[in-house]
Amino acid sequence: MTDPDAVAALSALAHADRLAAYRALVKAGPSGIASGEIADRLAVPPTRMSFHLATLERSGLVQSWRDGRRILYAARFGQMRDLLGFLTEDCCGGRPEICGDLAALLTPCEPEICR
């Protein structure tokens, strides 16, 4: 991950509605959830939620696809893993005992989940 990619991802998450939407997508898993359902769960107007989901998608943290008349959204777990790895790659100046075993959290995951 590059600095501009990390800045885009962190900027996308730096809003309460977008952070809540991303967390809802993580809970939903790789099968995703419709934008309207996210808006209902978070009590956010659908048009505002569409704007926030588009921002998350442009950042690379979320992907969307059409399912009939609905647009489904899902978290891109691989992108979040890349972001976390980027943020912690030089953790604690070479003293990993301070940070704990962060590398264990970033072990490879199944391709169907980390798309």
PDB file of N, CA and C in Angstrom:
ATOM      1  N   MET A   1       0.857  -1.179   0.000  1.00  0.00           N
ATOM      2  CA  MET A   1       0.000   0.000   0.000  1.00  0.00           C
ATOM      3  C   MET A   1       0.897   1.235   0.000  1.00  0.00           C
ATOM      4  N   THR A   2       0.455   2.250  -0.697  1.00  0.00           N
ATOM      5  CA  THR A   2       1.209   3.496  -0.772  1.00  0.00           C
ATOM      6  C   THR A   2       0.628   4.522   0.200  1.00  0.00           C
ATOM      7  N   ASP A   3       1.388   5.562   0.453  1.00  0.00           N
ATOM      8  CA  ASP A   3       0.885   6.640   1.312  1.00  0.00           C
ATOM      9  C   ASP A   3      -0.435   7.209   0.796  1.00  0.00           C
ATOM     10  N   PRO A   4      -0.556   7.537  -0.502  1.00  0.00           N
ATOM     11  CA  PRO A   4      -1.838   8.077  -0.983  1.00  0.00           C
ATOM     12  C   PRO A   4      -3.014   7.107  -0.795  1.00  0.00           C
ATOM     13  N   ASP A   5      -2.768   5.807  -0.954  1.00  0.00           N
ATOM     14  CA  ASP A   5      -3.838   4.823  -0.737  1.00  0.00           C
ATOM     15  C   ASP A   5      -4.272   4.815   0.728  1.00  0.00           C
ATOM     16  N   ALA A   6      -3.296   4.862   1.626  1.00  0.00           N
ATOM     17  CA  ALA A   6      -3.607   4.869   3.063  1.00  0.00           C
ATOM     18  C   ALA A   6      -4.369   6.132   3.443  1.00  0.00           C
ATOM     19  N   VAL A   7      -3.947   7.267   2.908  1.00  0.00           N
ATOM     20  CA  VAL A   7      -4.639   8.525   3.201  1.00  0.00           C
ATOM     21  C   VAL A   7      -6.076   8.467   2.699  1.00  0.00           C
ATOM     22  N   ALA A   8      -6.290   7.935   1.509  1.00  0.00           N
ATOM     23  CA  ALA A   8      -7.653   7.821   0.966  1.00  0.00           C
ATOM     24  C   ALA A   8      -8.526   6.928   1.838  1.00  0.00           C
ATOM     25  N   ALA A   9      -7.985   5.800   2.275  1.00  0.00           N
ATOM     26  CA  ALA A   9      -8.754   4.877   3.116  1.00  0.00           C
ATOM     27  C   ALA A   9      -9.067   5.503   4.469  1.00  0.00           C
ATOM     28  N   LEU A  10      -8.070   6.104   5.088  1.00  0.00           N
ATOM     29  CA  LEU A  10      -8.297   6.713   6.397  1.00  0.00           C
ATOM     30  C   LEU A  10      -9.244   7.910   6.299  1.00  0.00           C
ATOM     31  N   SER A  11      -9.131   8.673   5.231  1.00  0.00           N
ATOM     32  CA  SER A  11     -10.043   9.803   5.025  1.00  0.00           C
ATOM     33  C   SER A  11     -11.476   9.322   4.857  1.00  0.00           C
ATOM     34  N   ALA A  12     -11.653   8.230   4.138  1.00  0.00           N
ATOM     35  CA  ALA A  12     -12.999   7.692   3.927  1.00  0.00           C
ATOM     36  C   ALA A  12     -13.616   7.237   5.249  1.00  0.00           C
ATOM     37  N   LEU A  13     -12.811   6.713   6.132  1.00  0.00           N
ATOM     38  CA  LEU A  13     -13.321   6.229   7.415  1.00  0.00           C
ATOM     39  C   LEU A  13     -13.497   7.342   8.445  1.00  0.00           C
ATOM     40  N   ALA A  14     -12.990   8.541   8.147  1.00  0.00           N
ATOM     41  CA  ALA A  14     -12.977   9.642   9.109  1.00  0.00           C
ATOM     42  C   ALA A  14     -14.292  10.423   9.122  1.00  0.00           C
ATOM     43  N   HIS A  15     -15.396   9.705   9.092  1.00  0.00           N
ATOM     44  CA  HIS A  15     -16.728  10.304   9.198  1.00  0.00           C
ATOM     45  C   HIS A  15     -17.604   9.292   9.923  1.00  0.00           C
ATOM     46  N   ALA A  16     -18.386   9.757  10.870  1.00  0.00           N
ATOM     47  CA  ALA A  16     -19.163   8.840  11.712  1.00  0.00           C
ATOM     48  C   ALA A  16     -20.077   7.921  10.901  1.00  0.00           C
ATOM     49  N   ASP A  17     -20.789   8.459   9.901  1.00  0.00           N
ATOM     50  CA  ASP A  17     -21.700   7.626   9.106  1.00  0.00           C
ATOM     51  C   ASP A  17     -20.931   6.596   8.283  1.00  0.00           C
ATOM     52  N   ARG A  18     -19.804   7.011   7.698  1.00  0.00           N
ATOM     53  CA  ARG A  18     -19.030   6.072   6.880  1.00  0.00           C
ATOM     54  C   ARG A  18     -18.390   4.997   7.752  1.00  0.00           C
ATOM     55  N   LEU A  19     -17.895   5.376   8.904  1.00  0.00           N
ATOM     56  CA  LEU A  19     -17.313   4.388   9.808  1.00  0.00           C
ATOM     57  C   LEU A  19     -18.379   3.382  10.247  1.00  0.00           C
ATOM     58  N   ALA A  20     -19.559   3.867  10.587  1.00  0.00           N
ATOM     59  CA  ALA A  20     -20.656   2.962  10.983  1.00  0.00           C
ATOM     60  C   ALA A  20     -21.058   2.059   9.825  1.00  0.00           C
ATOM     61  N   ALA A  21     -21.109   2.607   8.614  1.00  0.00           N
ATOM     62  CA  ALA A  21     -21.457   1.795   7.445  1.00  0.00           C
ATOM     63  C   ALA A  21     -20.398   0.728   7.204  1.00  0.00           C
ATOM     64  N   TYR A  22     -19.127   1.110   7.302  1.00  0.00           N
ATOM     65  CA  TYR A  22     -18.063   0.129   7.095  1.00  0.00           C
ATOM     66  C   TYR A  22     -18.153  -0.985   8.126  1.00  0.00           C
ATOM     67  N   ARG A  23     -18.398  -0.636   9.368  1.00  0.00           N
ATOM     68  CA  ARG A  23     -18.528  -1.654  10.418  1.00  0.00           C
ATOM     69  C   ARG A  23     -19.723  -2.575  10.149  1.00  0.00           C
ATOM     70  N   ALA A  24     -20.815  -2.025   9.636  1.00  0.00           N
ATOM     71  CA  ALA A  24     -21.977  -2.851   9.277  1.00  0.00           C
ATOM     72  C   ALA A  24     -21.617  -3.804   8.148  1.00  0.00           C
ATOM     73  N   LEU A  25     -20.813  -3.335   7.188  1.00  0.00           N
ATOM     74  CA  LEU A  25     -20.388  -4.200   6.079  1.00  0.00           C
ATOM     75  C   LEU A  25     -19.459  -5.308   6.569  1.00  0.00           C
ATOM     76  N   VAL A  26     -18.610  -5.003   7.509  1.00  0.00           N
ATOM     77  CA  VAL A  26     -17.733  -6.033   8.079  1.00  0.00           C
ATOM     78  C   VAL A  26     -18.582  -7.103   8.761  1.00  0.00           C
ATOM     79  N   LYS A  27     -19.590  -6.682   9.512  1.00  0.00           N
ATOM     80  CA  LYS A  27     -20.483  -7.644  10.183  1.00  0.00           C
ATOM     81  C   LYS A  27     -21.242  -8.500   9.174  1.00  0.00           C
ATOM     82  N   ALA A  28     -21.614  -7.899   8.041  1.00  0.00           N
ATOM     83  CA  ALA A  28     -22.385  -8.628   7.021  1.00  0.00           C
ATOM     84  C   ALA A  28     -21.539  -9.685   6.328  1.00  0.00           C
ATOM     85  N   GLY A  29     -20.234  -9.490   6.278  1.00  0.00           N
ATOM     86  CA  GLY A  29     -19.351 -10.476   5.653  1.00  0.00           C
ATOM     87  C   GLY A  29     -19.285 -10.320   4.150  1.00  0.00           C
ATOM     88  N   PRO A  30     -18.649 -11.289   3.484  1.00  0.00           N
ATOM     89  CA  PRO A  30     -18.405 -11.182   2.046  1.00  0.00           C
ATOM     90  C   PRO A  30     -19.655 -11.200   1.175  1.00  0.00           C
ATOM     91  N   SER A  31     -20.767 -11.673   1.692  1.00  0.00           N
ATOM     92  CA  SER A  31     -21.991 -11.695   0.882  1.00  0.00           C
ATOM     93  C   SER A  31     -22.589 -10.311   0.722  1.00  0.00           C
ATOM     94  N   GLY A  32     -22.198  -9.372   1.561  1.00  0.00           N
ATOM     95  CA  GLY A  32     -22.621  -7.992   1.413  1.00  0.00           C
ATOM     96  C   GLY A  32     -24.023  -7.718   1.899  1.00  0.00           C
ATOM     97  N   ILE A  33     -24.427  -6.482   1.686  1.00  0.00           N
ATOM     98  CA  ILE A  33     -25.732  -6.017   2.138  1.00  0.00           C
ATOM     99  C   ILE A  33     -26.170  -4.864   1.222  1.00  0.00           C
ATOM    100  N   ALA A  34     -27.452  -4.713   1.052  1.00  0.00           N
ATOM    101  CA  ALA A  34     -27.983  -3.649   0.190  1.00  0.00           C
ATOM    102  C   ALA A  34     -27.833  -2.283   0.857  1.00  0.00           C
ATOM    103  N   SER A  35     -27.623  -1.280   0.040  1.00  0.00           N
ATOM    104  CA  SER A  35     -27.421   0.075   0.563  1.00  0.00           C
ATOM    105  C   SER A  35     -28.624   0.546   1.372  1.00  0.00           C
ATOM    106  N   GLY A  36     -29.822   0.216   0.918  1.00  0.00           N
ATOM    107  CA  GLY A  36     -31.024   0.618   1.648  1.00  0.00           C
ATOM    108  C   GLY A  36     -31.101   0.008   3.033  1.00  0.00           C
ATOM    109  N   GLU A  37     -30.654  -1.226   3.150  1.00  0.00           N
ATOM    110  CA  GLU A  37     -30.667  -1.880   4.458  1.00  0.00           C
ATOM    111  C   GLU A  37     -29.655  -1.234   5.403  1.00  0.00           C
ATOM    112  N   ILE A  38     -28.501  -0.853   4.863  1.00  0.00           N
ATOM    113  CA  ILE A  38     -27.516  -0.155   5.696  1.00  0.00           C
ATOM    114  C   ILE A  38     -28.104   1.169   6.168  1.00  0.00           C
ATOM    115  N   ALA A  39     -28.729   1.903   5.254  1.00  0.00           N
ATOM    116  CA  ALA A  39     -29.340   3.187   5.607  1.00  0.00           C
ATOM    117  C   ALA A  39     -30.394   3.001   6.698  1.00  0.00           C
ATOM    118  N   ASP A  40     -31.231   1.970   6.567  1.00  0.00           N
ATOM    119  CA  ASP A  40     -32.256   1.706   7.588  1.00  0.00           C
ATOM    120  C   ASP A  40     -31.630   1.373   8.937  1.00  0.00           C
ATOM    121  N   ARG A  41     -30.638   0.493   8.931  1.00  0.00           N
ATOM    122  CA  ARG A  41     -29.987   0.093  10.193  1.00  0.00           C
ATOM    123  C   ARG A  41     -29.360   1.274  10.918  1.00  0.00           C
ATOM    124  N   LEU A  42     -28.807   2.198  10.140  1.00  0.00           N
ATOM    125  CA  LEU A  42     -28.088   3.318  10.738  1.00  0.00           C
ATOM    126  C   LEU A  42     -28.933   4.580  10.852  1.00  0.00           C
ATOM    127  N   ALA A  43     -30.196   4.499  10.407  1.00  0.00           N
ATOM    128  CA  ALA A  43     -31.106   5.643  10.442  1.00  0.00           C
ATOM    129  C   ALA A  43     -30.506   6.854   9.720  1.00  0.00           C
ATOM    130  N   VAL A  44     -29.984   6.580   8.526  1.00  0.00           N
ATOM    131  CA  VAL A  44     -29.397   7.606   7.669  1.00  0.00           C
ATOM    132  C   VAL A  44     -30.236   7.652   6.399  1.00  0.00           C
ATOM    133  N   PRO A  45     -30.577   8.832   5.905  1.00  0.00           N
ATOM    134  CA  PRO A  45     -31.346   8.905   4.652  1.00  0.00           C
ATOM    135  C   PRO A  45     -30.626   8.151   3.525  1.00  0.00           C
ATOM    136  N   PRO A  46     -31.365   7.416   2.696  1.00  0.00           N
ATOM    137  CA  PRO A  46     -30.744   6.606   1.638  1.00  0.00           C
ATOM    138  C   PRO A  46     -29.834   7.390   0.691  1.00  0.00           C
ATOM    139  N   THR A  47     -30.208   8.605   0.344  1.00  0.00           N
ATOM    140  CA  THR A  47     -29.349   9.368  -0.572  1.00  0.00           C
ATOM    141  C   THR A  47     -28.024   9.720   0.090  1.00  0.00           C
ATOM    142  N   ARG A  48     -28.066  10.056   1.364  1.00  0.00           N
ATOM    143  CA  ARG A  48     -26.821  10.352   2.089  1.00  0.00           C
ATOM    144  C   ARG A  48     -25.972   9.097   2.220  1.00  0.00           C
ATOM    145  N   MET A  49     -26.628   7.951   2.466  1.00  0.00           N
ATOM    146  CA  MET A  49     -25.869   6.704   2.586  1.00  0.00           C
ATOM    147  C   MET A  49     -25.224   6.342   1.262  1.00  0.00           C
ATOM    148  N   SER A  50     -25.914   6.552   0.154  1.00  0.00           N
ATOM    149  CA  SER A  50     -25.326   6.276  -1.160  1.00  0.00           C
ATOM    150  C   SER A  50     -24.066   7.108  -1.371  1.00  0.00           C
ATOM    151  N   PHE A  51     -24.109   8.370  -0.971  1.00  0.00           N
ATOM    152  CA  PHE A  51     -22.944   9.245  -1.066  1.00  0.00           C
ATOM    153  C   PHE A  51     -21.785   8.682  -0.242  1.00  0.00           C
ATOM    154  N   HIS A  52     -22.074   8.258   0.986  1.00  0.00           N
ATOM    155  CA  HIS A  52     -21.028   7.722   1.862  1.00  0.00           C
ATOM    156  C   HIS A  52     -20.466   6.399   1.327  1.00  0.00           C
ATOM    157  N   LEU A  53     -21.329   5.548   0.819  1.00  0.00           N
ATOM    158  CA  LEU A  53     -20.860   4.275   0.267  1.00  0.00           C
ATOM    159  C   LEU A  53     -20.002   4.494  -0.967  1.00  0.00           C
ATOM    160  N   ALA A  54     -20.338   5.486  -1.771  1.00  0.00           N
ATOM    161  CA  ALA A  54     -19.517   5.804  -2.946  1.00  0.00           C
ATOM    162  C   ALA A  54     -18.126   6.267  -2.508  1.00  0.00           C
ATOM    163  N   THR A  55     -18.063   7.041  -1.448  1.00  0.00           N
ATOM    164  CA  THR A  55     -16.770   7.493  -0.927  1.00  0.00           C
ATOM    165  C   THR A  55     -15.950   6.302  -0.450  1.00  0.00           C
ATOM    166  N   LEU A  56     -16.577   5.390   0.263  1.00  0.00           N
ATOM    167  CA  LEU A  56     -15.872   4.183   0.730  1.00  0.00           C
ATOM    168  C   LEU A  56     -15.409   3.330  -0.447  1.00  0.00           C
ATOM    169  N   GLU A  57     -16.228   3.259  -1.478  1.00  0.00           N
ATOM    170  CA  GLU A  57     -15.850   2.465  -2.644  1.00  0.00           C
ATOM    171  C   GLU A  57     -14.669   3.100  -3.385  1.00  0.00           C
ATOM    172  N   ARG A  58     -14.685   4.407  -3.538  1.00  0.00           N
ATOM    173  CA  ARG A  58     -13.556   5.085  -4.198  1.00  0.00           C
ATOM    174  C   ARG A  58     -12.256   4.881  -3.431  1.00  0.00           C
ATOM    175  N   SER A  59     -12.344   4.735  -2.111  1.00  0.00           N
ATOM    176  CA  SER A  59     -11.150   4.536  -1.293  1.00  0.00           C
ATOM    177  C   SER A  59     -10.583   3.126  -1.450  1.00  0.00           C
ATOM    178  N   GLY A  60     -11.379   2.211  -2.003  1.00  0.00           N
ATOM    179  CA  GLY A  60     -10.946   0.829  -2.172  1.00  0.00           C
ATOM    180  C   GLY A  60     -11.330  -0.088  -1.032  1.00  0.00           C
ATOM    181  N   LEU A  61     -11.943   0.444   0.015  1.00  0.00           N
ATOM    182  CA  LEU A  61     -12.309  -0.381   1.171  1.00  0.00           C
ATOM    183  C   LEU A  61     -13.604  -1.158   0.967  1.00  0.00           C
ATOM    184  N   VAL A  62     -14.386  -0.772  -0.039  1.00  0.00           N
ATOM    185  CA  VAL A  62     -15.710  -1.363  -0.273  1.00  0.00           C
ATOM    186  C   VAL A  62     -15.859  -1.644  -1.763  1.00  0.00           C
ATOM    187  N   GLN A  63     -16.596  -2.686  -2.075  1.00  0.00           N
ATOM    188  CA  GLN A  63     -16.934  -2.975  -3.469  1.00  0.00           C
ATOM    189  C   GLN A  63     -18.442  -3.113  -3.581  1.00  0.00           C
ATOM    190  N   SER A  64     -18.953  -2.891  -4.767  1.00  0.00           N
ATOM    191  CA  SER A  64     -20.396  -3.010  -4.989  1.00  0.00           C
ATOM    192  C   SER A  64     -20.652  -3.843  -6.232  1.00  0.00           C
ATOM    193  N   TRP A  65     -21.855  -4.399  -6.309  1.00  0.00           N
ATOM    194  CA  TRP A  65     -22.308  -5.121  -7.488  1.00  0.00           C
ATOM    195  C   TRP A  65     -23.826  -5.116  -7.496  1.00  0.00           C
ATOM    196  N   ARG A  66     -24.364  -5.274  -8.674  1.00  0.00           N
ATOM    197  CA  ARG A  66     -25.815  -5.260  -8.848  1.00  0.00           C
ATOM    198  C   ARG A  66     -26.368  -6.673  -8.661  1.00  0.00           C
ATOM    199  N   ASP A  67     -27.482  -6.739  -7.943  1.00  0.00           N
ATOM    200  CA  ASP A  67     -28.221  -7.987  -7.748  1.00  0.00           C
ATOM    201  C   ASP A  67     -29.682  -7.675  -8.055  1.00  0.00           C
ATOM    202  N   GLY A  68     -30.046  -7.855  -9.320  1.00  0.00           N
ATOM    203  CA  GLY A  68     -31.395  -7.462  -9.738  1.00  0.00           C
ATOM    204  C   GLY A  68     -31.530  -5.957  -9.665  1.00  0.00           C
ATOM    205  N   ARG A  69     -32.482  -5.494  -8.878  1.00  0.00           N
ATOM    206  CA  ARG A  69     -32.706  -4.058  -8.734  1.00  0.00           C
ATOM    207  C   ARG A  69     -31.893  -3.455  -7.590  1.00  0.00           C
ATOM    208  N   ARG A  70     -31.260  -4.284  -6.817  1.00  0.00           N
ATOM    209  CA  ARG A  70     -30.510  -3.798  -5.654  1.00  0.00           C
ATOM    210  C   ARG A  70     -29.023  -3.677  -5.971  1.00  0.00           C
ATOM    211  N   ILE A  71     -28.384  -2.784  -5.285  1.00  0.00           N
ATOM    212  CA  ILE A  71     -26.926  -2.711  -5.324  1.00  0.00           C
ATOM    213  C   ILE A  71     -26.434  -3.168  -3.962  1.00  0.00           C
ATOM    214  N   LEU A  72     -25.614  -4.214  -4.000  1.00  0.00           N
ATOM    215  CA  LEU A  72     -25.052  -4.744  -2.768  1.00  0.00           C
ATOM    216  C   LEU A  72     -23.650  -4.190  -2.561  1.00  0.00           C
ATOM    217  N   TYR A  73     -23.289  -4.025  -1.312  1.00  0.00           N
ATOM    218  CA  TYR A  73     -21.967  -3.539  -0.932  1.00  0.00           C
ATOM    219  C   TYR A  73     -21.343  -4.524   0.037  1.00  0.00           C
ATOM    220  N   ALA A  74     -20.032  -4.667  -0.058  1.00  0.00           N
ATOM    221  CA  ALA A  74     -19.293  -5.528   0.867  1.00  0.00           C
ATOM    222  C   ALA A  74     -17.935  -4.902   1.153  1.00  0.00           C
ATOM    223  N   ALA A  75     -17.466  -5.143   2.352  1.00  0.00           N
ATOM    224  CA  ALA A  75     -16.126  -4.694   2.718  1.00  0.00           C
ATOM    225  C   ALA A  75     -15.109  -5.500   1.927  1.00  0.00           C
ATOM    226  N   ARG A  76     -14.050  -4.849   1.503  1.00  0.00           N
ATOM    227  CA  ARG A  76     -12.929  -5.525   0.848  1.00  0.00           C
ATOM    228  C   ARG A  76     -11.905  -5.811   1.947  1.00  0.00           C
ATOM    229  N   PHE A  77     -12.003  -6.991   2.513  1.00  0.00           N
ATOM    230  CA  PHE A  77     -11.183  -7.344   3.666  1.00  0.00           C
ATOM    231  C   PHE A  77      -9.694  -7.300   3.352  1.00  0.00           C
ATOM    232  N   GLY A  78      -9.321  -7.648   2.140  1.00  0.00           N
ATOM    233  CA  GLY A  78      -7.913  -7.603   1.766  1.00  0.00           C
ATOM    234  C   GLY A  78      -7.357  -6.187   1.828  1.00  0.00           C
ATOM    235  N   GLN A  79      -8.162  -5.209   1.419  1.00  0.00           N
ATOM    236  CA  GLN A  79      -7.715  -3.814   1.474  1.00  0.00           C
ATOM    237  C   GLN A  79      -7.516  -3.350   2.912  1.00  0.00           C
ATOM    238  N   MET A  80      -8.424  -3.748   3.808  1.00  0.00           N
ATOM    239  CA  MET A  80      -8.264  -3.360   5.209  1.00  0.00           C
ATOM    240  C   MET A  80      -7.034  -4.035   5.800  1.00  0.00           C
ATOM    241  N   ARG A  81      -6.807  -5.279   5.435  1.00  0.00           N
ATOM    242  CA  ARG A  81      -5.608  -5.976   5.920  1.00  0.00           C
ATOM    243  C   ARG A  81      -4.357  -5.264   5.420  1.00  0.00           C
ATOM    244  N   ASP A  82      -4.376  -4.817   4.161  1.00  0.00           N
ATOM    245  CA  ASP A  82      -3.238  -4.070   3.628  1.00  0.00           C
ATOM    246  C   ASP A  82      -3.031  -2.764   4.394  1.00  0.00           C
ATOM    247  N   LEU A  83      -4.125  -2.076   4.709  1.00  0.00           N
ATOM    248  CA  LEU A  83      -4.028  -0.826   5.455  1.00  0.00           C
ATOM    249  C   LEU A  83      -3.446  -1.071   6.848  1.00  0.00           C
ATOM    250  N   LEU A  84      -3.956  -2.081   7.528  1.00  0.00           N
ATOM    251  CA  LEU A  84      -3.436  -2.386   8.869  1.00  0.00           C
ATOM    252  C   LEU A  84      -1.966  -2.778   8.817  1.00  0.00           C
ATOM    253  N   GLY A  85      -1.595  -3.549   7.814  1.00  0.00           N
ATOM    254  CA  GLY A  85      -0.199  -3.926   7.652  1.00  0.00           C
ATOM    255  C   GLY A  85       0.672  -2.708   7.390  1.00  0.00           C
ATOM    256  N   PHE A  86       0.197  -1.809   6.542  1.00  0.00           N
ATOM    257  CA  PHE A  86       0.920  -0.581   6.231  1.00  0.00           C
ATOM    258  C   PHE A  86       1.131   0.257   7.491  1.00  0.00           C
ATOM    259  N   LEU A  87       0.082   0.379   8.303  1.00  0.00           N
ATOM    260  CA  LEU A  87       0.159   1.205   9.502  1.00  0.00           C
ATOM    261  C   LEU A  87       1.081   0.619  10.566  1.00  0.00           C
ATOM    262  N   THR A  88       1.242  -0.683  10.551  1.00  0.00           N
ATOM    263  CA  THR A  88       2.007  -1.331  11.625  1.00  0.00           C
ATOM    264  C   THR A  88       3.307  -1.969  11.162  1.00  0.00           C
ATOM    265  N   GLU A  89       3.706  -1.760   9.902  1.00  0.00           N
ATOM    266  CA  GLU A  89       4.875  -2.468   9.395  1.00  0.00           C
ATOM    267  C   GLU A  89       6.163  -2.117  10.122  1.00  0.00           C
ATOM    268  N   ASP A  90       6.263  -0.938  10.664  1.00  0.00           N
ATOM    269  CA  ASP A  90       7.463  -0.549  11.404  1.00  0.00           C
ATOM    270  C   ASP A  90       7.157  -0.375  12.889  1.00  0.00           C
ATOM    271  N   CYS A  91       6.246  -1.180  13.367  1.00  0.00           N
ATOM    272  CA  CYS A  91       5.732  -1.040  14.725  1.00  0.00           C
ATOM    273  C   CYS A  91       6.827  -1.061  15.785  1.00  0.00           C
ATOM    274  N   CYS A  92       6.788  -0.072  16.618  1.00  0.00           N
ATOM    275  CA  CYS A  92       7.590  -0.020  17.840  1.00  0.00           C
ATOM    276  C   CYS A  92       9.088  -0.046  17.592  1.00  0.00           C
ATOM    277  N   GLY A  93       9.524   0.459  16.465  1.00  0.00           N
ATOM    278  CA  GLY A  93      10.954   0.571  16.204  1.00  0.00           C
ATOM    279  C   GLY A  93      11.705  -0.733  16.326  1.00  0.00           C
ATOM    280  N   GLY A  94      11.100  -1.804  15.836  1.00  0.00           N
ATOM    281  CA  GLY A  94      11.775  -3.099  15.887  1.00  0.00           C
ATOM    282  C   GLY A  94      11.634  -3.811  17.217  1.00  0.00           C
ATOM    283  N   ARG A  95      10.721  -3.358  18.057  1.00  0.00           N
ATOM    284  CA  ARG A  95      10.479  -4.011  19.351  1.00  0.00           C
ATOM    285  C   ARG A  95       9.039  -4.524  19.385  1.00  0.00           C
ATOM    286  N   PRO A  96       8.773  -5.630  18.667  1.00  0.00           N
ATOM    287  CA  PRO A  96       7.393  -6.117  18.544  1.00  0.00           C
ATOM    288  C   PRO A  96       6.759  -6.517  19.873  1.00  0.00           C
ATOM    289  N   GLU A  97       7.555  -6.775  20.896  1.00  0.00           N
ATOM    290  CA  GLU A  97       6.969  -7.153  22.183  1.00  0.00           C
ATOM    291  C   GLU A  97       6.130  -6.017  22.772  1.00  0.00           C
ATOM    292  N   ILE A  98       6.400  -4.790  22.367  1.00  0.00           N
ATOM    293  CA  ILE A  98       5.622  -3.651  22.844  1.00  0.00           C
ATOM    294  C   ILE A  98       4.231  -3.667  22.212  1.00  0.00           C
ATOM    295  N   CYS A  99       4.168  -3.984  20.938  1.00  0.00           N
ATOM    296  CA  CYS A  99       2.909  -3.930  20.191  1.00  0.00           C
ATOM    297  C   CYS A  99       2.106  -5.222  20.272  1.00  0.00           C
ATOM    298  N   GLY A 100       2.712  -6.299  20.683  1.00  0.00           N
ATOM    299  CA  GLY A 100       2.045  -7.585  20.613  1.00  0.00           C
ATOM    300  C   GLY A 100       2.311  -8.198  19.246  1.00  0.00           C
ATOM    301  N   ASP A 101       1.714  -9.323  18.979  1.00  0.00           N
ATOM    302  CA  ASP A 101       1.969 -10.031  17.732  1.00  0.00           C
ATOM    303  C   ASP A 101       0.994  -9.578  16.650  1.00  0.00           C
ATOM    304  N   LEU A 102       1.191  -8.355  16.161  1.00  0.00           N
ATOM    305  CA  LEU A 102       0.311  -7.823  15.119  1.00  0.00           C
ATOM    306  C   LEU A 102       0.422  -8.619  13.829  1.00  0.00           C
ATOM    307  N   ALA A 103       1.595  -9.151  13.551  1.00  0.00           N
ATOM    308  CA  ALA A 103       1.777  -9.925  12.317  1.00  0.00           C
ATOM    309  C   ALA A 103       0.847 -11.136  12.289  1.00  0.00           C
ATOM    310  N   ALA A 104       0.568 -11.727  13.434  1.00  0.00           N
ATOM    311  CA  ALA A 104      -0.326 -12.892  13.485  1.00  0.00           C
ATOM    312  C   ALA A 104      -1.744 -12.513  13.065  1.00  0.00           C
ATOM    313  N   LEU A 105      -2.112 -11.267  13.279  1.00  0.00           N
ATOM    314  CA  LEU A 105      -3.448 -10.818  12.872  1.00  0.00           C
ATOM    315  C   LEU A 105      -3.559 -10.662  11.363  1.00  0.00           C
ATOM    316  N   LEU A 106      -2.421 -10.572  10.697  1.00  0.00           N
ATOM    317  CA  LEU A 106      -2.413 -10.299   9.272  1.00  0.00           C
ATOM    318  C   LEU A 106      -1.966 -11.490   8.447  1.00  0.00           C
ATOM    319  N   THR A 107      -2.166 -12.687   8.964  1.00  0.00           N
ATOM    320  CA  THR A 107      -1.831 -13.871   8.196  1.00  0.00           C
ATOM    321  C   THR A 107      -2.726 -13.934   6.967  1.00  0.00           C
ATOM    322  N   PRO A 108      -2.284 -14.593   5.917  1.00  0.00           N
ATOM    323  CA  PRO A 108      -3.089 -14.654   4.692  1.00  0.00           C
ATOM    324  C   PRO A 108      -4.487 -15.221   4.947  1.00  0.00           C
ATOM    325  N   CYS A 109      -5.460 -14.683   4.214  1.00  0.00           N
ATOM    326  CA  CYS A 109      -6.818 -15.196   4.354  1.00  0.00           C
ATOM    327  C   CYS A 109      -7.271 -15.786   3.017  1.00  0.00           C
ATOM    328  N   GLU A 110      -8.392 -16.449   3.054  1.00  0.00           N
ATOM    329  CA  GLU A 110      -8.929 -17.129   1.885  1.00  0.00           C
ATOM    330  C   GLU A 110      -9.264 -16.125   0.790  1.00  0.00           C
ATOM    331  N   PRO A 111      -8.948 -16.420  -0.464  1.00  0.00           N
ATOM    332  CA  PRO A 111      -9.222 -15.478  -1.568  1.00  0.00           C
ATOM    333  C   PRO A 111     -10.683 -15.071  -1.685  1.00  0.00           C
ATOM    334  N   GLU A 112     -11.616 -15.953  -1.392  1.00  0.00           N
ATOM    335  CA  GLU A 112     -13.023 -15.584  -1.520  1.00  0.00           C
ATOM    336  C   GLU A 112     -13.445 -14.581  -0.457  1.00  0.00           C
ATOM    337  N   ILE A 113     -12.694 -14.491   0.645  1.00  0.00           N
ATOM    338  CA  ILE A 113     -13.007 -13.520   1.684  1.00  0.00           C
ATOM    339  C   ILE A 113     -12.243 -12.219   1.450  1.00  0.00           C
ATOM    340  N   CYS A 114     -11.010 -12.320   1.032  1.00  0.00           N
ATOM    341  CA  CYS A 114     -10.146 -11.148   0.860  1.00  0.00           C
ATOM    342  C   CYS A 114     -10.134 -10.650  -0.563  1.00  0.00           C
ATOM    343  N   ARG A 115     -11.274 -10.552  -1.146  1.00  0.00           N
ATOM    344  CA  ARG A 115     -11.339 -10.055  -2.521  1.00  0.00           C
ATOM    345  C   ARG A 115     -11.232  -8.563  -2.558  1.00  0.00           C
TER     346      ARG A 115
END
